[in-house]
């Protein structure tokens, strides 16, 4: 089971690569293209590609904008509480 299919529950993300994979899975599950996201999140295609590929130096605010566009939010909690 992929992360996108279980998003009714919290998902622990431990790497930028995992976050990128989750973004890609959610985008595809919503039948959105990278072009759809870049228009709605007001970002460029290169950023979306880099995010989905797990580039560790992507801009954090833009990551939050993409998550919001996909109907996702980031929640920070004490490690091990999932």
Protein backbone atom coordinates (compact mmCIF):
# COMPACT_ATOMS: atom_id res chain seq x y z
CA UNK A 1 0.00 0.00 0.00
CA UNK A 2 1.42 3.40 -0.91
CA UNK A 3 1.36 6.45 1.36
CA UNK A 4 -1.27 8.32 -0.68
CA UNK A 5 -3.81 5.53 -0.29
CA UNK A 6 -3.67 5.72 3.52
CA UNK A 7 -3.80 9.49 3.96
CA UNK A 8 -6.84 9.28 6.19
CA UNK A 9 -4.24 8.51 8.86
CA UNK A 10 -1.03 10.41 9.70
CA UNK A 11 2.00 9.42 7.64
CA UNK A 12 5.51 9.69 9.08
CA UNK A 13 7.91 11.28 6.61
CA UNK A 14 11.58 10.74 7.42
CA UNK A 15 13.27 11.98 4.25
CA UNK A 16 12.86 14.47 1.45
CA UNK A 17 12.61 11.53 -0.95
CA UNK A 18 9.63 10.14 0.98
CA UNK A 19 7.95 13.56 0.90
CA UNK A 20 8.54 13.82 -2.84
CA UNK A 21 7.09 10.36 -3.40
CA UNK A 22 4.05 11.25 -1.31
CA UNK A 23 3.49 14.46 -3.27
CA UNK A 24 3.71 12.55 -6.56
CA UNK A 25 1.36 9.79 -5.35
CA UNK A 26 -1.20 12.33 -4.12
CA UNK A 27 -1.00 14.35 -7.33
CA UNK A 28 -1.50 11.26 -9.49
CA UNK A 29 -4.30 9.96 -7.24
CA UNK A 30 -6.11 13.28 -7.80
CA UNK A 31 -5.52 12.96 -11.57
CA UNK A 32 -3.46 16.14 -11.61
CA UNK A 33 -0.47 16.80 -13.82
CA UNK A 34 2.67 18.62 -12.75
CA UNK A 35 1.42 21.50 -14.90
CA UNK A 36 -1.83 21.60 -12.90
CA UNK A 37 0.11 21.90 -9.65
CA UNK A 38 2.50 24.58 -10.81
CA UNK A 39 -0.37 26.79 -11.90
CA UNK A 40 -2.39 26.31 -8.72
CA UNK A 41 0.58 26.54 -6.33
CA UNK A 42 2.12 29.47 -8.22
CA UNK A 43 5.46 27.75 -8.71
CA UNK A 44 7.56 26.58 -11.62
CA UNK A 45 7.82 23.20 -13.30
CA UNK A 46 11.43 22.79 -12.22
CA UNK A 47 10.40 23.13 -8.57
CA UNK A 48 7.71 20.44 -8.87
CA UNK A 49 10.13 18.07 -10.58
CA UNK A 50 12.80 18.69 -7.94
CA UNK A 51 10.31 18.24 -5.08
CA UNK A 52 8.96 14.98 -6.46
CA UNK A 53 12.53 13.75 -7.01
CA UNK A 54 13.45 14.47 -3.39
CA UNK A 55 15.87 17.36 -3.83
CA UNK A 56 16.88 18.28 -0.27
CA UNK A 57 17.26 22.03 -0.87
CA UNK A 58 13.77 22.94 -2.16
CA UNK A 59 12.19 26.07 -0.67
CA UNK A 60 10.10 25.16 2.34
CA UNK A 61 7.31 27.72 1.77
CA UNK A 62 6.84 26.41 -1.75
CA UNK A 63 6.60 22.85 -0.35
CA UNK A 64 3.85 24.06 1.99
CA UNK A 65 2.08 25.75 -0.94
CA UNK A 66 2.15 22.51 -2.96
CA UNK A 67 0.87 20.49 0.02
CA UNK A 68 -1.97 23.00 0.45
CA UNK A 69 -2.82 22.74 -3.25
CA UNK A 70 -3.09 18.97 -2.86
CA UNK A 71 -5.33 19.34 0.20
CA UNK A 72 -2.58 18.23 2.59
CA UNK A 73 -1.10 19.82 5.68
CA UNK A 74 2.04 19.30 7.70
CA UNK A 75 1.68 18.49 11.40
CA UNK A 76 4.69 18.34 13.69
CA UNK A 77 4.54 16.06 16.71
CA UNK A 78 6.87 14.25 19.08
CA UNK A 79 8.76 11.46 17.35
CA UNK A 80 7.40 7.96 17.91
CA UNK A 81 3.85 9.08 18.68
CA UNK A 82 2.38 7.70 15.43
